[in-house]
């Protein structure tokens, strides 16, 4: 069974690149373009991993991470923030909100998969 990854990202170019990289590594990709849709898709599909942008319309990624952690089936699901927020304190803020890890944008396509895997349990 393929590992399911939910990408919550409002930028179409970033969504395309992440989806391309992940599907080329044989991951199953689920897409959501807003925080609300991301939460709905997470409840519906129970992904193995969630990639979360922080700068989202209507509901930011911090709130999304907090809401995802309130869902019993997703309490231990790895949530990796993929964001251009790189100011002092941003990483700590997203980890406090419930993220497992943090990858800065722009991502490096050559190292992204390895970076993502570094935050995952050995079972992935």
C-alpha atoms as a PDB file:
ATOM      1  CA  UNK A   1       0.000   0.000   0.000  1.00  0.00           C
ATOM      2  CA  UNK A   2       1.302   3.447  -0.944  1.00  0.00           C
ATOM      3  CA  UNK A   3       2.050   6.025   1.699  1.00  0.00           C
ATOM      4  CA  UNK A   4      -0.634   8.757   1.520  1.00  0.00           C
ATOM      5  CA  UNK A   5       0.559  12.334   1.750  1.00  0.00           C
ATOM      6  CA  UNK A   6      -1.818  15.257   2.127  1.00  0.00           C
ATOM      7  CA  UNK A   7      -0.458  18.551   0.799  1.00  0.00           C
ATOM      8  CA  UNK A   8      -2.176  21.674   2.125  1.00  0.00           C
ATOM      9  CA  UNK A   9      -0.864  24.469  -0.101  1.00  0.00           C
ATOM     10  CA  UNK A  10      -2.660  27.402  -1.751  1.00  0.00           C
ATOM     11  CA  UNK A  11       0.002  28.204  -4.374  1.00  0.00           C
ATOM     12  CA  UNK A  12      -0.581  26.174  -7.555  1.00  0.00           C
ATOM     13  CA  UNK A  13       3.085  26.159  -8.600  1.00  0.00           C
ATOM     14  CA  UNK A  14       4.204  24.890  -5.197  1.00  0.00           C
ATOM     15  CA  UNK A  15       1.405  22.302  -5.208  1.00  0.00           C
ATOM     16  CA  UNK A  16       2.458  21.097  -8.651  1.00  0.00           C
ATOM     17  CA  UNK A  17       6.133  20.785  -7.707  1.00  0.00           C
ATOM     18  CA  UNK A  18       5.471  18.985  -4.420  1.00  0.00           C
ATOM     19  CA  UNK A  19       2.950  16.648  -6.066  1.00  0.00           C
ATOM     20  CA  UNK A  20       5.353  15.880  -8.908  1.00  0.00           C
ATOM     21  CA  UNK A  21       8.250  15.112  -6.565  1.00  0.00           C
ATOM     22  CA  UNK A  22       6.115  12.884  -4.346  1.00  0.00           C
ATOM     23  CA  UNK A  23       4.317  10.954  -7.090  1.00  0.00           C
ATOM     24  CA  UNK A  24       7.639  10.339  -8.828  1.00  0.00           C
ATOM     25  CA  UNK A  25       8.751   8.638  -5.591  1.00  0.00           C
ATOM     26  CA  UNK A  26       5.569   6.504  -5.614  1.00  0.00           C
ATOM     27  CA  UNK A  27       3.668   8.334  -2.880  1.00  0.00           C
ATOM     28  CA  UNK A  28      -0.097   8.788  -3.141  1.00  0.00           C
ATOM     29  CA  UNK A  29      -0.860  12.530  -3.076  1.00  0.00           C
ATOM     30  CA  UNK A  30      -4.023  14.200  -1.809  1.00  0.00           C
ATOM     31  CA  UNK A  31      -4.328  17.931  -2.473  1.00  0.00           C
ATOM     32  CA  UNK A  32      -6.043  20.710  -0.543  1.00  0.00           C
ATOM     33  CA  UNK A  33      -5.786  24.408  -1.387  1.00  0.00           C
ATOM     34  CA  UNK A  34      -7.069  25.822   1.919  1.00  0.00           C
ATOM     35  CA  UNK A  35      -6.855  25.019   5.597  1.00  0.00           C
ATOM     36  CA  UNK A  36     -10.517  24.101   5.857  1.00  0.00           C
ATOM     37  CA  UNK A  37     -10.287  21.771   2.853  1.00  0.00           C
ATOM     38  CA  UNK A  38      -7.087  20.312   4.297  1.00  0.00           C
ATOM     39  CA  UNK A  39      -8.791  19.456   7.569  1.00  0.00           C
ATOM     40  CA  UNK A  40     -11.735  17.912   5.687  1.00  0.00           C
ATOM     41  CA  UNK A  41      -9.400  15.861   3.459  1.00  0.00           C
ATOM     42  CA  UNK A  42      -7.384  14.728   6.485  1.00  0.00           C
ATOM     43  CA  UNK A  43     -10.530  13.490   8.218  1.00  0.00           C
ATOM     44  CA  UNK A  44     -11.680  11.728   5.046  1.00  0.00           C
ATOM     45  CA  UNK A  45      -8.406  10.096   3.925  1.00  0.00           C
ATOM     46  CA  UNK A  46      -6.406   9.681   7.178  1.00  0.00           C
ATOM     47  CA  UNK A  47      -3.072  10.443   5.454  1.00  0.00           C
ATOM     48  CA  UNK A  48       0.198   8.989   6.678  1.00  0.00           C
ATOM     49  CA  UNK A  49       1.947  12.376   6.354  1.00  0.00           C
ATOM     50  CA  UNK A  50       0.714  15.975   6.069  1.00  0.00           C
ATOM     51  CA  UNK A  51       2.716  18.728   4.337  1.00  0.00           C
ATOM     52  CA  UNK A  52       1.380  22.080   5.502  1.00  0.00           C
ATOM     53  CA  UNK A  53       1.967  25.595   4.212  1.00  0.00           C
ATOM     54  CA  UNK A  54       1.717  28.244   6.921  1.00  0.00           C
ATOM     55  CA  UNK A  55       0.596  31.177   4.759  1.00  0.00           C
ATOM     56  CA  UNK A  56      -2.904  30.057   3.842  1.00  0.00           C
ATOM     57  CA  UNK A  57      -5.985  32.178   3.160  1.00  0.00           C
ATOM     58  CA  UNK A  58      -8.758  32.338   5.768  1.00  0.00           C
ATOM     59  CA  UNK A  59      -7.088  29.964   8.267  1.00  0.00           C
ATOM     60  CA  UNK A  60      -3.307  29.994   8.715  1.00  0.00           C
ATOM     61  CA  UNK A  61      -1.202  26.877   9.055  1.00  0.00           C
ATOM     62  CA  UNK A  62      -0.721  27.298  12.802  1.00  0.00           C
ATOM     63  CA  UNK A  63      -4.485  27.028  13.321  1.00  0.00           C
ATOM     64  CA  UNK A  64      -4.712  24.140  10.857  1.00  0.00           C
ATOM     65  CA  UNK A  65      -1.998  22.216  12.739  1.00  0.00           C
ATOM     66  CA  UNK A  66      -3.762  22.800  16.052  1.00  0.00           C
ATOM     67  CA  UNK A  67      -7.093  21.617  14.648  1.00  0.00           C
ATOM     68  CA  UNK A  68      -5.502  18.537  13.052  1.00  0.00           C
ATOM     69  CA  UNK A  69      -3.988  17.577  16.419  1.00  0.00           C
ATOM     70  CA  UNK A  70      -7.475  17.664  17.970  1.00  0.00           C
ATOM     71  CA  UNK A  71      -8.556  14.774  15.697  1.00  0.00           C
ATOM     72  CA  UNK A  72      -7.913  11.463  17.473  1.00  0.00           C
ATOM     73  CA  UNK A  73      -6.844   9.575  14.330  1.00  0.00           C
ATOM     74  CA  UNK A  74      -4.317  12.302  13.452  1.00  0.00           C
ATOM     75  CA  UNK A  75      -2.733  12.986  16.852  1.00  0.00           C
ATOM     76  CA  UNK A  76       0.532  11.271  15.881  1.00  0.00           C
ATOM     77  CA  UNK A  77       0.437  11.798  12.099  1.00  0.00           C
ATOM     78  CA  UNK A  78       3.627  13.614  11.050  1.00  0.00           C
ATOM     79  CA  UNK A  79       2.838  17.213  10.076  1.00  0.00           C
ATOM     80  CA  UNK A  80       5.674  18.928   8.250  1.00  0.00           C
ATOM     81  CA  UNK A  81       5.444  22.674   7.760  1.00  0.00           C
ATOM     82  CA  UNK A  82       6.742  23.672   4.329  1.00  0.00           C
ATOM     83  CA  UNK A  83       6.952  27.437   4.483  1.00  0.00           C
ATOM     84  CA  UNK A  84       8.749  30.601   3.532  1.00  0.00           C
ATOM     85  CA  UNK A  85       8.379  31.854   7.114  1.00  0.00           C
ATOM     86  CA  UNK A  86      11.999  31.934   8.205  1.00  0.00           C
ATOM     87  CA  UNK A  87      12.154  34.653  10.834  1.00  0.00           C
ATOM     88  CA  UNK A  88      13.491  33.923  14.312  1.00  0.00           C
ATOM     89  CA  UNK A  89      10.767  32.180  16.287  1.00  0.00           C
ATOM     90  CA  UNK A  90       8.741  30.972  13.271  1.00  0.00           C
ATOM     91  CA  UNK A  91      10.054  27.411  13.490  1.00  0.00           C
ATOM     92  CA  UNK A  92       9.349  27.239  17.209  1.00  0.00           C
ATOM     93  CA  UNK A  93       5.862  28.673  16.722  1.00  0.00           C
ATOM     94  CA  UNK A  94       4.910  26.047  14.135  1.00  0.00           C
ATOM     95  CA  UNK A  95       6.333  23.220  16.264  1.00  0.00           C
ATOM     96  CA  UNK A  96       4.341  24.495  19.263  1.00  0.00           C
ATOM     97  CA  UNK A  97       1.194  24.464  17.102  1.00  0.00           C
ATOM     98  CA  UNK A  98       1.669  20.729  16.513  1.00  0.00           C
ATOM     99  CA  UNK A  99       4.006  20.309  13.556  1.00  0.00           C
ATOM    100  CA  UNK A 100       6.550  17.514  13.644  1.00  0.00           C
ATOM    101  CA  UNK A 101       9.083  19.288  11.453  1.00  0.00           C
ATOM    102  CA  UNK A 102       9.838  22.345   9.358  1.00  0.00           C
ATOM    103  CA  UNK A 103      11.234  22.734   5.829  1.00  0.00           C
ATOM    104  CA  UNK A 104      11.967  26.190   4.448  1.00  0.00           C
ATOM    105  CA  UNK A 105      10.863  27.342   1.005  1.00  0.00           C
ATOM    106  CA  UNK A 106      12.060  27.548  -1.604  1.00  0.00           C
ATOM    107  CA  UNK A 107      12.505  23.799  -1.415  1.00  0.00           C
ATOM    108  CA  UNK A 108      15.393  22.064  -3.106  1.00  0.00           C
ATOM    109  CA  UNK A 109      13.919  19.373  -5.396  1.00  0.00           C
ATOM    110  CA  UNK A 110      17.111  17.308  -5.068  1.00  0.00           C
ATOM    111  CA  UNK A 111      16.931  17.070  -1.283  1.00  0.00           C
ATOM    112  CA  UNK A 112      13.239  17.555  -0.446  1.00  0.00           C
ATOM    113  CA  UNK A 113      12.297  13.858  -0.170  1.00  0.00           C
ATOM    114  CA  UNK A 114      15.252  13.160   2.135  1.00  0.00           C
ATOM    115  CA  UNK A 115      14.387  16.219   4.240  1.00  0.00           C
ATOM    116  CA  UNK A 116      10.780  15.076   4.543  1.00  0.00           C
ATOM    117  CA  UNK A 117      11.797  11.529   5.459  1.00  0.00           C
ATOM    118  CA  UNK A 118      14.090  12.845   8.210  1.00  0.00           C
ATOM    119  CA  UNK A 119      10.982  13.808  10.219  1.00  0.00           C
ATOM    120  CA  UNK A 120       9.213  10.480   9.780  1.00  0.00           C
ATOM    121  CA  UNK A 121       9.199   7.301  11.847  1.00  0.00           C
ATOM    122  CA  UNK A 122      11.249   4.495  10.291  1.00  0.00           C
ATOM    123  CA  UNK A 123       8.048   2.798   9.064  1.00  0.00           C
ATOM    124  CA  UNK A 124       7.783   5.233   6.105  1.00  0.00           C
END
